[in-house]
N, C-alpha and C. Protein backbone atom coordinates (compact mmCIF):
# COMPACT_ATOMS: atom_id res chain seq x y z
N MET A 1 95.12 161.68 111.20
CA MET A 1 94.00 162.45 110.65
C MET A 1 93.45 161.72 109.42
N ILE A 2 92.14 161.57 109.37
CA ILE A 2 91.49 160.93 108.22
C ILE A 2 90.88 161.99 107.33
N VAL A 3 91.20 161.92 106.06
CA VAL A 3 90.67 162.86 105.07
C VAL A 3 89.82 162.07 104.08
N TYR A 4 88.53 162.34 104.08
CA TYR A 4 87.61 161.65 103.16
C TYR A 4 87.47 162.46 101.88
N VAL A 5 87.56 161.79 100.76
CA VAL A 5 87.35 162.42 99.45
C VAL A 5 86.38 161.55 98.67
N GLU A 6 85.91 162.09 97.54
CA GLU A 6 84.96 161.31 96.73
C GLU A 6 85.25 161.48 95.26
N THR A 7 84.26 161.25 94.43
CA THR A 7 84.44 161.18 92.98
C THR A 7 85.14 162.39 92.39
N ASN A 8 84.74 163.60 92.82
CA ASN A 8 85.32 164.78 92.18
C ASN A 8 86.81 164.94 92.46
N PHE A 9 87.30 164.35 93.52
CA PHE A 9 88.73 164.35 93.80
C PHE A 9 89.47 163.58 92.70
N LEU A 10 88.96 162.42 92.35
CA LEU A 10 89.56 161.60 91.30
C LEU A 10 89.48 162.29 89.94
N LEU A 11 88.36 162.93 89.65
CA LEU A 11 88.19 163.59 88.35
C LEU A 11 89.09 164.82 88.23
N GLU A 12 89.30 165.54 89.33
CA GLU A 12 90.24 166.67 89.32
C GLU A 12 91.63 166.19 88.88
N LEU A 13 92.06 165.08 89.47
CA LEU A 13 93.38 164.53 89.14
C LEU A 13 93.43 163.97 87.72
N ALA A 14 92.36 163.30 87.32
CA ALA A 14 92.34 162.67 85.99
C ALA A 14 92.35 163.69 84.87
N TYR A 15 91.56 164.76 85.02
CA TYR A 15 91.40 165.74 83.94
C TYR A 15 92.21 167.01 84.17
N LEU A 16 93.08 167.00 85.20
CA LEU A 16 93.94 168.16 85.50
C LEU A 16 93.11 169.44 85.56
N GLN A 17 92.05 169.38 86.34
CA GLN A 17 91.14 170.51 86.46
C GLN A 17 91.71 171.58 87.39
N GLU A 18 90.89 172.60 87.64
CA GLU A 18 91.36 173.83 88.27
C GLU A 18 92.12 173.62 89.58
N ARG A 19 91.67 172.69 90.41
CA ARG A 19 92.30 172.51 91.72
C ARG A 19 93.06 171.18 91.82
N CYS A 20 93.54 170.70 90.69
CA CYS A 20 94.25 169.41 90.71
C CYS A 20 95.55 169.50 91.50
N ASP A 21 96.18 170.68 91.54
CA ASP A 21 97.42 170.83 92.31
C ASP A 21 97.17 170.59 93.80
N SER A 22 96.06 171.12 94.31
CA SER A 22 95.72 170.89 95.72
C SER A 22 95.45 169.40 95.97
N CYS A 23 94.78 168.76 95.02
CA CYS A 23 94.49 167.32 95.15
C CYS A 23 95.78 166.51 95.15
N GLU A 24 96.72 166.89 94.30
CA GLU A 24 98.00 166.18 94.22
C GLU A 24 98.76 166.30 95.54
N LEU A 25 98.73 167.48 96.14
CA LEU A 25 99.41 167.68 97.42
C LEU A 25 98.75 166.87 98.53
N ILE A 26 97.42 166.80 98.50
CA ILE A 26 96.69 165.99 99.49
C ILE A 26 97.07 164.52 99.32
N LEU A 27 97.12 164.06 98.07
CA LEU A 27 97.52 162.68 97.80
C LEU A 27 98.95 162.41 98.27
N ASN A 28 99.82 163.39 98.09
CA ASN A 28 101.21 163.23 98.53
C ASN A 28 101.30 163.11 100.06
N PHE A 29 100.45 163.84 100.78
CA PHE A 29 100.42 163.71 102.23
C PHE A 29 100.09 162.26 102.63
N ALA A 30 99.20 161.65 101.86
CA ALA A 30 98.84 160.25 102.13
C ALA A 30 100.02 159.33 101.83
N LYS A 31 100.71 159.58 100.73
CA LYS A 31 101.87 158.76 100.37
C LYS A 31 102.98 158.87 101.41
N GLU A 32 103.05 160.05 102.05
CA GLU A 32 104.06 160.27 103.10
C GLU A 32 103.57 159.82 104.47
N ALA A 33 102.37 159.21 104.51
CA ALA A 33 101.77 158.70 105.75
C ALA A 33 101.51 159.80 106.78
N LYS A 34 101.29 161.03 106.28
CA LYS A 34 100.96 162.13 107.19
C LYS A 34 99.45 162.20 107.46
N ILE A 35 98.67 161.68 106.54
CA ILE A 35 97.22 161.58 106.70
C ILE A 35 96.78 160.21 106.21
N THR A 36 95.55 159.85 106.56
CA THR A 36 94.91 158.66 105.99
C THR A 36 93.85 159.14 105.02
N LEU A 37 94.06 158.89 103.74
CA LEU A 37 93.11 159.29 102.71
C LEU A 37 92.10 158.17 102.51
N ALA A 38 90.82 158.50 102.62
CA ALA A 38 89.77 157.48 102.54
C ALA A 38 88.79 157.82 101.42
N LEU A 39 88.50 156.82 100.60
CA LEU A 39 87.63 156.98 99.44
C LEU A 39 86.53 155.93 99.45
N PRO A 40 85.26 156.34 99.36
CA PRO A 40 84.20 155.33 99.21
C PRO A 40 84.43 154.50 97.94
N ALA A 41 84.29 153.20 98.03
CA ALA A 41 84.48 152.33 96.87
C ALA A 41 83.54 152.75 95.74
N PHE A 42 82.35 153.19 96.10
CA PHE A 42 81.39 153.63 95.08
C PHE A 42 81.96 154.76 94.23
N SER A 43 82.76 155.65 94.84
CA SER A 43 83.30 156.80 94.11
C SER A 43 84.28 156.36 93.03
N ALA A 44 85.02 155.30 93.28
CA ALA A 44 85.94 154.79 92.26
C ALA A 44 85.14 154.30 91.05
N VAL A 45 84.04 153.61 91.32
CA VAL A 45 83.18 153.13 90.24
C VAL A 45 82.55 154.30 89.49
N GLU A 46 82.04 155.27 90.25
CA GLU A 46 81.38 156.42 89.63
C GLU A 46 82.35 157.21 88.77
N ALA A 47 83.59 157.38 89.24
CA ALA A 47 84.59 158.11 88.46
C ALA A 47 84.89 157.39 87.15
N ARG A 48 84.99 156.06 87.20
CA ARG A 48 85.25 155.30 85.98
C ARG A 48 84.07 155.41 85.00
N VAL A 49 82.86 155.37 85.52
CA VAL A 49 81.67 155.51 84.66
C VAL A 49 81.67 156.89 84.00
N THR A 50 81.97 157.92 84.79
CA THR A 50 82.02 159.28 84.25
C THR A 50 83.10 159.40 83.19
N SER A 51 84.26 158.84 83.45
CA SER A 51 85.36 158.88 82.49
C SER A 51 85.00 158.17 81.20
N ASN A 52 84.37 157.01 81.31
CA ASN A 52 83.96 156.26 80.11
C ASN A 52 82.91 157.03 79.32
N ARG A 53 81.99 157.68 80.04
CA ARG A 53 80.95 158.46 79.36
C ARG A 53 81.56 159.64 78.61
N ARG A 54 82.49 160.33 79.26
CA ARG A 54 83.14 161.47 78.60
C ARG A 54 83.92 161.01 77.38
N ALA A 55 84.60 159.89 77.50
CA ALA A 55 85.37 159.36 76.38
C ALA A 55 84.44 159.03 75.21
N PHE A 56 83.29 158.42 75.52
CA PHE A 56 82.31 158.08 74.48
C PHE A 56 81.79 159.35 73.80
N GLU A 57 81.47 160.37 74.61
CA GLU A 57 80.94 161.62 74.05
C GLU A 57 81.98 162.29 73.16
N ARG A 58 83.24 162.23 73.59
CA ARG A 58 84.29 162.85 72.79
C ARG A 58 84.55 162.07 71.51
N ARG A 59 84.43 160.74 71.57
CA ARG A 59 84.57 159.95 70.34
C ARG A 59 83.50 160.33 69.34
N GLU A 60 82.27 160.47 69.84
CA GLU A 60 81.18 160.87 68.95
C GLU A 60 81.45 162.26 68.36
N PHE A 61 81.94 163.17 69.23
CA PHE A 61 82.25 164.53 68.76
C PHE A 61 83.35 164.49 67.70
N ARG A 62 84.40 163.68 67.93
CA ARG A 62 85.49 163.59 66.97
C ARG A 62 84.99 163.09 65.62
N GLU A 63 84.15 162.05 65.65
CA GLU A 63 83.65 161.50 64.39
C GLU A 63 82.78 162.52 63.67
N SER A 64 81.97 163.25 64.43
CA SER A 64 81.12 164.28 63.83
C SER A 64 81.98 165.40 63.25
N LEU A 65 83.02 165.78 64.00
CA LEU A 65 83.92 166.84 63.54
C LEU A 65 84.64 166.41 62.26
N ARG A 66 85.14 165.17 62.25
CA ARG A 66 85.81 164.67 61.04
C ARG A 66 84.87 164.73 59.82
N LYS A 67 83.63 164.31 60.05
CA LYS A 67 82.66 164.29 58.96
C LYS A 67 82.44 165.69 58.39
N HIS A 68 82.24 166.67 59.29
CA HIS A 68 81.98 168.03 58.84
C HIS A 68 83.21 168.63 58.15
N ILE A 69 84.39 168.30 58.69
CA ILE A 69 85.62 168.82 58.07
C ILE A 69 85.79 168.26 56.66
N ARG A 70 85.51 166.96 56.51
CA ARG A 70 85.62 166.35 55.17
C ARG A 70 84.64 167.02 54.20
N GLU A 71 83.44 167.31 54.68
CA GLU A 71 82.42 167.90 53.81
C GLU A 71 82.81 169.30 53.36
N ILE A 72 83.22 170.14 54.33
CA ILE A 72 83.49 171.53 53.96
C ILE A 72 84.84 171.69 53.27
N SER A 73 85.72 170.69 53.41
CA SER A 73 87.04 170.80 52.76
C SER A 73 86.93 170.68 51.25
N HIS A 74 85.76 170.24 50.75
CA HIS A 74 85.56 170.19 49.31
C HIS A 74 85.36 171.60 48.74
N SER A 75 85.04 172.54 49.63
CA SER A 75 84.84 173.92 49.20
C SER A 75 86.20 174.61 49.09
N GLU A 76 86.39 175.41 48.08
CA GLU A 76 87.68 176.05 47.81
C GLU A 76 88.26 176.81 49.01
N PRO A 77 87.47 177.62 49.74
CA PRO A 77 88.06 178.38 50.86
C PRO A 77 88.60 177.50 51.98
N PHE A 78 88.15 176.22 52.01
CA PHE A 78 88.55 175.35 53.12
C PHE A 78 89.46 174.21 52.69
N ARG A 79 90.07 174.31 51.51
CA ARG A 79 91.01 173.29 51.08
C ARG A 79 92.19 173.24 52.06
N GLY A 80 92.58 172.06 52.43
CA GLY A 80 93.69 171.93 53.37
C GLY A 80 93.27 171.91 54.83
N LEU A 81 91.96 172.03 55.07
CA LEU A 81 91.48 172.05 56.46
C LEU A 81 91.72 170.72 57.16
N ILE A 82 91.63 169.62 56.40
CA ILE A 82 91.85 168.29 57.01
C ILE A 82 93.25 168.22 57.62
N GLU A 83 94.26 168.69 56.86
CA GLU A 83 95.63 168.65 57.37
C GLU A 83 95.80 169.58 58.57
N ARG A 84 95.20 170.78 58.49
CA ARG A 84 95.38 171.77 59.55
C ARG A 84 94.67 171.35 60.84
N SER A 85 93.62 170.53 60.73
CA SER A 85 92.85 170.14 61.92
C SER A 85 93.33 168.83 62.53
N SER A 86 94.31 168.19 61.90
CA SER A 86 94.73 166.86 62.37
C SER A 86 95.30 166.92 63.79
N ASP A 87 96.00 168.01 64.12
CA ASP A 87 96.57 168.13 65.46
C ASP A 87 95.48 168.19 66.52
N VAL A 88 94.39 168.86 66.21
CA VAL A 88 93.27 168.96 67.16
C VAL A 88 92.64 167.59 67.38
N ILE A 89 92.42 166.87 66.30
CA ILE A 89 91.83 165.53 66.39
C ILE A 89 92.75 164.61 67.20
N THR A 90 94.03 164.67 66.92
CA THR A 90 95.00 163.83 67.65
C THR A 90 95.02 164.17 69.13
N ALA A 91 94.95 165.45 69.46
CA ALA A 91 94.96 165.88 70.86
C ALA A 91 93.73 165.37 71.60
N LEU A 92 92.59 165.35 70.93
CA LEU A 92 91.37 164.84 71.57
C LEU A 92 91.49 163.36 71.89
N VAL A 93 92.08 162.61 70.98
CA VAL A 93 92.28 161.17 71.21
C VAL A 93 93.24 160.94 72.36
N ALA A 94 94.39 161.63 72.32
CA ALA A 94 95.41 161.47 73.35
C ALA A 94 94.90 161.92 74.71
N GLY A 95 94.08 162.97 74.73
CA GLY A 95 93.55 163.48 75.99
C GLY A 95 92.72 162.46 76.73
N ASP A 96 91.91 161.71 76.02
CA ASP A 96 91.09 160.67 76.65
C ASP A 96 91.96 159.58 77.26
N GLU A 97 92.94 159.14 76.53
CA GLU A 97 93.82 158.06 77.01
C GLU A 97 94.60 158.51 78.25
N GLU A 98 95.13 159.73 78.20
CA GLU A 98 95.92 160.24 79.32
C GLU A 98 95.06 160.42 80.57
N ALA A 99 93.84 160.93 80.38
CA ALA A 99 92.94 161.12 81.52
C ALA A 99 92.58 159.78 82.15
N GLY A 100 92.33 158.78 81.32
CA GLY A 100 92.02 157.45 81.83
C GLY A 100 93.17 156.86 82.61
N ASN A 101 94.38 157.06 82.11
CA ASN A 101 95.57 156.56 82.82
C ASN A 101 95.76 157.26 84.15
N ARG A 102 95.55 158.58 84.18
CA ARG A 102 95.70 159.32 85.43
C ARG A 102 94.64 158.91 86.44
N LEU A 103 93.43 158.63 85.96
CA LEU A 103 92.37 158.19 86.86
C LEU A 103 92.74 156.86 87.52
N GLU A 104 93.18 155.90 86.72
CA GLU A 104 93.54 154.60 87.28
C GLU A 104 94.73 154.71 88.24
N ALA A 105 95.68 155.59 87.92
CA ALA A 105 96.83 155.78 88.80
C ALA A 105 96.40 156.37 90.13
N SER A 106 95.43 157.29 90.11
CA SER A 106 94.94 157.92 91.34
C SER A 106 94.19 156.91 92.21
N ILE A 107 93.36 156.09 91.59
CA ILE A 107 92.62 155.06 92.33
C ILE A 107 93.60 154.07 92.94
N GLN A 108 94.60 153.66 92.17
CA GLN A 108 95.59 152.70 92.66
C GLN A 108 96.38 153.30 93.83
N ALA A 109 96.71 154.60 93.74
CA ALA A 109 97.48 155.24 94.81
C ALA A 109 96.69 155.26 96.11
N ILE A 110 95.38 155.53 96.02
CA ILE A 110 94.56 155.53 97.24
C ILE A 110 94.45 154.12 97.80
N GLU A 111 94.32 153.13 96.93
CA GLU A 111 94.27 151.74 97.39
C GLU A 111 95.56 151.35 98.10
N GLU A 112 96.69 151.88 97.61
CA GLU A 112 97.99 151.52 98.17
C GLU A 112 98.33 152.31 99.43
N TYR A 113 98.01 153.60 99.42
CA TYR A 113 98.43 154.46 100.52
C TYR A 113 97.29 154.92 101.43
N GLY A 114 96.07 154.58 101.07
CA GLY A 114 94.92 155.02 101.86
C GLY A 114 93.96 153.90 102.18
N ILE A 115 92.68 154.27 102.21
CA ILE A 115 91.62 153.31 102.56
C ILE A 115 90.51 153.42 101.52
N THR A 116 90.02 152.29 101.07
CA THR A 116 88.81 152.25 100.24
C THR A 116 87.68 151.72 101.12
N ILE A 117 86.65 152.53 101.29
CA ILE A 117 85.53 152.17 102.16
C ILE A 117 84.57 151.26 101.39
N PRO A 118 84.38 150.04 101.84
CA PRO A 118 83.55 149.10 101.08
C PRO A 118 82.07 149.49 101.05
N LEU A 119 81.41 149.10 99.98
CA LEU A 119 79.97 149.34 99.84
C LEU A 119 79.24 148.15 100.46
N THR A 120 78.84 148.30 101.71
CA THR A 120 78.20 147.21 102.45
C THR A 120 76.69 147.37 102.48
N GLY A 121 76.03 146.34 102.97
CA GLY A 121 74.58 146.42 103.14
C GLY A 121 74.18 147.53 104.08
N GLU A 122 74.98 147.71 105.13
CA GLU A 122 74.69 148.79 106.09
C GLU A 122 74.76 150.15 105.41
N VAL A 123 75.79 150.36 104.58
CA VAL A 123 75.94 151.63 103.87
C VAL A 123 74.76 151.88 102.94
N ILE A 124 74.35 150.84 102.23
CA ILE A 124 73.21 150.98 101.30
C ILE A 124 71.93 151.33 102.06
N SER A 125 71.73 150.73 103.21
CA SER A 125 70.55 151.00 104.01
C SER A 125 70.55 152.44 104.53
N ILE A 126 71.71 152.89 105.03
CA ILE A 126 71.81 154.27 105.51
C ILE A 126 71.61 155.26 104.37
N ALA A 127 72.17 154.93 103.21
CA ALA A 127 72.06 155.81 102.04
C ALA A 127 70.61 156.02 101.64
N ARG A 128 69.82 154.97 101.72
CA ARG A 128 68.41 155.09 101.35
C ARG A 128 67.71 156.08 102.28
N ARG A 129 68.06 156.04 103.53
CA ARG A 129 67.46 156.99 104.49
C ARG A 129 67.89 158.41 104.16
N TYR A 130 69.14 158.59 103.76
CA TYR A 130 69.62 159.93 103.41
C TYR A 130 68.94 160.47 102.16
N GLU A 131 68.66 159.58 101.22
CA GLU A 131 67.93 159.99 100.01
C GLU A 131 66.60 160.62 100.38
N LEU A 132 65.89 159.95 101.30
CA LEU A 132 64.56 160.41 101.67
C LEU A 132 64.59 161.62 102.60
N THR A 133 65.55 161.63 103.51
CA THR A 133 65.60 162.69 104.51
C THR A 133 66.16 164.00 103.97
N TYR A 134 67.22 163.91 103.17
CA TYR A 134 67.91 165.12 102.71
C TYR A 134 67.77 165.37 101.21
N SER A 135 66.93 164.60 100.55
CA SER A 135 66.69 164.75 99.11
C SER A 135 68.00 164.67 98.31
N LEU A 136 68.88 163.77 98.72
CA LEU A 136 70.12 163.54 98.00
C LEU A 136 69.89 162.57 96.85
N SER A 137 70.72 162.67 95.83
CA SER A 137 70.69 161.66 94.78
C SER A 137 71.19 160.35 95.36
N ALA A 138 70.90 159.25 94.69
CA ALA A 138 71.36 157.95 95.17
C ALA A 138 72.88 157.92 95.28
N GLN A 139 73.56 158.56 94.32
CA GLN A 139 75.02 158.58 94.33
C GLN A 139 75.57 159.35 95.52
N ASP A 140 75.04 160.56 95.75
CA ASP A 140 75.53 161.38 96.85
C ASP A 140 75.18 160.75 98.20
N ALA A 141 74.03 160.11 98.27
CA ALA A 141 73.63 159.45 99.51
C ALA A 141 74.58 158.31 99.85
N LEU A 142 75.02 157.56 98.84
CA LEU A 142 75.97 156.46 99.07
C LEU A 142 77.32 157.00 99.55
N VAL A 143 77.74 158.12 99.01
CA VAL A 143 79.00 158.73 99.44
C VAL A 143 78.89 159.17 100.90
N LEU A 144 77.83 159.90 101.22
CA LEU A 144 77.66 160.38 102.59
C LEU A 144 77.54 159.22 103.58
N ALA A 145 76.81 158.20 103.22
CA ALA A 145 76.64 157.05 104.11
C ALA A 145 77.98 156.33 104.32
N SER A 146 78.78 156.23 103.25
CA SER A 146 80.09 155.60 103.36
C SER A 146 81.00 156.37 104.31
N VAL A 147 81.01 157.69 104.13
CA VAL A 147 81.87 158.54 104.96
C VAL A 147 81.44 158.47 106.42
N ARG A 148 80.12 158.64 106.65
CA ARG A 148 79.67 158.68 108.04
C ARG A 148 79.85 157.33 108.74
N SER A 149 79.59 156.25 108.06
CA SER A 149 79.70 154.93 108.69
C SER A 149 81.15 154.64 109.08
N HIS A 150 82.08 155.05 108.23
CA HIS A 150 83.50 154.84 108.55
C HIS A 150 83.95 155.80 109.66
N ALA A 151 83.55 157.06 109.55
CA ALA A 151 83.95 158.07 110.54
C ALA A 151 83.43 157.72 111.93
N ASN A 152 82.28 157.08 111.96
CA ASN A 152 81.67 156.73 113.25
C ASN A 152 82.51 155.73 114.03
N LYS A 153 83.40 155.03 113.34
CA LYS A 153 84.21 153.99 113.98
C LYS A 153 85.59 154.50 114.39
N SER A 154 85.86 155.79 114.17
CA SER A 154 87.19 156.32 114.45
C SER A 154 87.13 157.53 115.39
N THR A 155 88.12 157.64 116.25
CA THR A 155 88.22 158.78 117.16
C THR A 155 89.23 159.81 116.66
N GLU A 156 89.84 159.56 115.51
CA GLU A 156 90.82 160.50 114.96
C GLU A 156 90.14 161.77 114.48
N GLN A 157 90.95 162.82 114.27
CA GLN A 157 90.46 164.03 113.63
C GLN A 157 90.08 163.68 112.19
N LYS A 158 88.96 164.23 111.74
CA LYS A 158 88.45 163.83 110.42
C LYS A 158 87.91 165.04 109.66
N CYS A 159 88.01 164.98 108.34
CA CYS A 159 87.35 165.97 107.49
C CYS A 159 86.91 165.31 106.19
N PHE A 160 85.88 165.86 105.60
CA PHE A 160 85.35 165.37 104.33
C PHE A 160 85.43 166.52 103.34
N ILE A 161 86.18 166.33 102.27
CA ILE A 161 86.34 167.38 101.25
C ILE A 161 85.57 166.99 100.00
N SER A 162 84.64 167.85 99.61
CA SER A 162 83.89 167.63 98.37
C SER A 162 83.51 168.97 97.77
N GLN A 163 83.74 169.11 96.48
CA GLN A 163 83.35 170.35 95.81
C GLN A 163 81.89 170.31 95.36
N ASP A 164 81.21 169.23 95.68
CA ASP A 164 79.79 169.13 95.37
C ASP A 164 78.99 169.76 96.52
N SER A 165 79.23 171.05 96.75
CA SER A 165 78.59 171.73 97.88
C SER A 165 77.08 171.86 97.67
N LYS A 166 76.65 171.83 96.41
CA LYS A 166 75.21 171.88 96.13
C LYS A 166 74.49 170.70 96.76
N ALA A 167 75.14 169.55 96.75
CA ALA A 167 74.53 168.34 97.31
C ALA A 167 74.68 168.30 98.82
N PHE A 168 75.86 168.65 99.32
CA PHE A 168 76.16 168.44 100.73
C PHE A 168 76.01 169.68 101.60
N ASN A 169 75.72 170.83 100.99
CA ASN A 169 75.56 172.06 101.76
C ASN A 169 74.16 172.12 102.37
N ASP A 170 73.95 171.29 103.35
CA ASP A 170 72.65 171.17 104.01
C ASP A 170 72.90 171.03 105.51
N LEU A 171 72.12 171.74 106.31
CA LEU A 171 72.34 171.70 107.75
C LEU A 171 72.21 170.29 108.31
N GLY A 172 71.27 169.53 107.73
CA GLY A 172 71.11 168.15 108.18
C GLY A 172 72.33 167.30 107.88
N VAL A 173 72.92 167.53 106.70
CA VAL A 173 74.14 166.81 106.33
C VAL A 173 75.28 167.21 107.25
N PHE A 174 75.38 168.52 107.53
CA PHE A 174 76.41 168.99 108.46
C PHE A 174 76.24 168.34 109.82
N ASP A 175 75.00 168.20 110.26
CA ASP A 175 74.74 167.56 111.56
C ASP A 175 75.18 166.10 111.55
N GLU A 176 74.93 165.42 110.42
CA GLU A 176 75.34 164.02 110.31
C GLU A 176 76.86 163.90 110.45
N LEU A 177 77.58 164.82 109.82
CA LEU A 177 79.04 164.77 109.85
C LEU A 177 79.59 165.24 111.20
N SER A 178 79.03 166.32 111.72
CA SER A 178 79.52 166.82 113.01
C SER A 178 79.23 165.82 114.12
N GLY A 179 78.19 165.01 113.94
CA GLY A 179 77.86 163.99 114.93
C GLY A 179 78.94 162.93 115.08
N VAL A 180 79.78 162.80 114.05
CA VAL A 180 80.92 161.87 114.12
C VAL A 180 82.23 162.66 114.08
N ARG A 181 82.13 163.95 114.44
CA ARG A 181 83.30 164.84 114.54
C ARG A 181 84.08 164.91 113.24
N CYS A 182 83.34 165.11 112.16
CA CYS A 182 83.95 165.20 110.83
C CYS A 182 83.58 166.55 110.23
N LYS A 183 84.58 167.34 109.88
CA LYS A 183 84.37 168.68 109.33
C LYS A 183 84.18 168.60 107.82
N PHE A 184 83.23 169.38 107.30
CA PHE A 184 83.00 169.42 105.85
C PHE A 184 83.70 170.63 105.26
N LEU A 185 84.43 170.41 104.16
CA LEU A 185 85.13 171.48 103.44
C LEU A 185 84.73 171.42 101.98
N SER A 186 84.37 172.58 101.41
CA SER A 186 83.72 172.58 100.10
C SER A 186 84.65 172.84 98.91
N THR A 187 85.97 173.06 99.16
CA THR A 187 86.92 173.15 98.06
C THR A 187 88.20 172.42 98.46
N PHE A 188 88.92 171.95 97.47
CA PHE A 188 90.17 171.24 97.75
C PHE A 188 91.25 172.20 98.24
N THR A 189 91.16 173.47 97.82
CA THR A 189 92.10 174.47 98.32
C THR A 189 91.91 174.68 99.82
N ASN A 190 90.65 174.85 100.24
CA ASN A 190 90.36 175.00 101.67
C ASN A 190 90.72 173.73 102.43
N GLY A 191 90.45 172.59 101.81
CA GLY A 191 90.77 171.32 102.44
C GLY A 191 92.26 171.17 102.68
N LEU A 192 93.05 171.57 101.69
CA LEU A 192 94.51 171.48 101.81
C LEU A 192 95.00 172.37 102.95
N GLU A 193 94.47 173.59 103.03
CA GLU A 193 94.88 174.50 104.10
C GLU A 193 94.49 173.96 105.47
N TYR A 194 93.32 173.34 105.54
CA TYR A 194 92.86 172.75 106.81
C TYR A 194 93.80 171.62 107.23
N ILE A 195 94.19 170.80 106.28
CA ILE A 195 95.10 169.69 106.56
C ILE A 195 96.46 170.21 107.03
N LYS A 196 96.98 171.20 106.31
CA LYS A 196 98.27 171.78 106.70
C LYS A 196 98.23 172.33 108.12
N SER A 197 97.13 173.03 108.44
CA SER A 197 96.98 173.61 109.77
C SER A 197 96.91 172.52 110.84
N ALA A 198 96.17 171.45 110.53
CA ALA A 198 96.02 170.35 111.49
C ALA A 198 97.36 169.65 111.71
N LEU A 199 98.12 169.44 110.64
CA LEU A 199 99.41 168.77 110.76
C LEU A 199 100.40 169.64 111.54
N LYS A 200 100.33 170.95 111.31
CA LYS A 200 101.21 171.88 112.03
C LYS A 200 100.90 171.86 113.52
N SER A 201 99.61 171.84 113.85
CA SER A 201 99.20 171.81 115.26
C SER A 201 99.62 170.50 115.92
N ALA A 202 99.50 169.41 115.16
CA ALA A 202 99.86 168.10 115.71
C ALA A 202 101.36 167.97 115.89
N GLY A 203 102.11 168.67 115.01
CA GLY A 203 103.56 168.56 115.10
C GLY A 203 104.16 169.45 116.14
């Protein structure tokens, strides 16, 4: 069984977001060779760009916060605020580093235990058509084109899990995926249950 994931899968794992437990279990299925986890190469790049942007925004926020704390700490009611806020500042710094490490570990795990779908000329050409036909962003079109082009070459059971249902919740997109026998699932929780059910049926 091939399970396609994209950028938000990596970000869930990196930032320990709401459904990261489901993502971790899906990744473990890949490590146990129970499924083939497939990620568009573009998604790895996009996740790193997003992570770098968030880190930059938080650095700016930290510097702004430090500045305001220094200013108001001169006022009598706020004496000692610098010391009391140091744990918050430290946590913000550590959080960025830890998220970055988890992101790289997740990408490396997929490279080792799954498949990275290359960004080819064919994928770029198909993506441009999806942009125009389904009004997808360039990023989402590249993801869909990567998934469909790879799925078209396989006869295995397939599903595509993405929480970006706003982008992919389109009948035309569903038709593109169903045309290569690939089911779309809009949450990682639902995706995990679908995988468990498929593995149980296969076993």
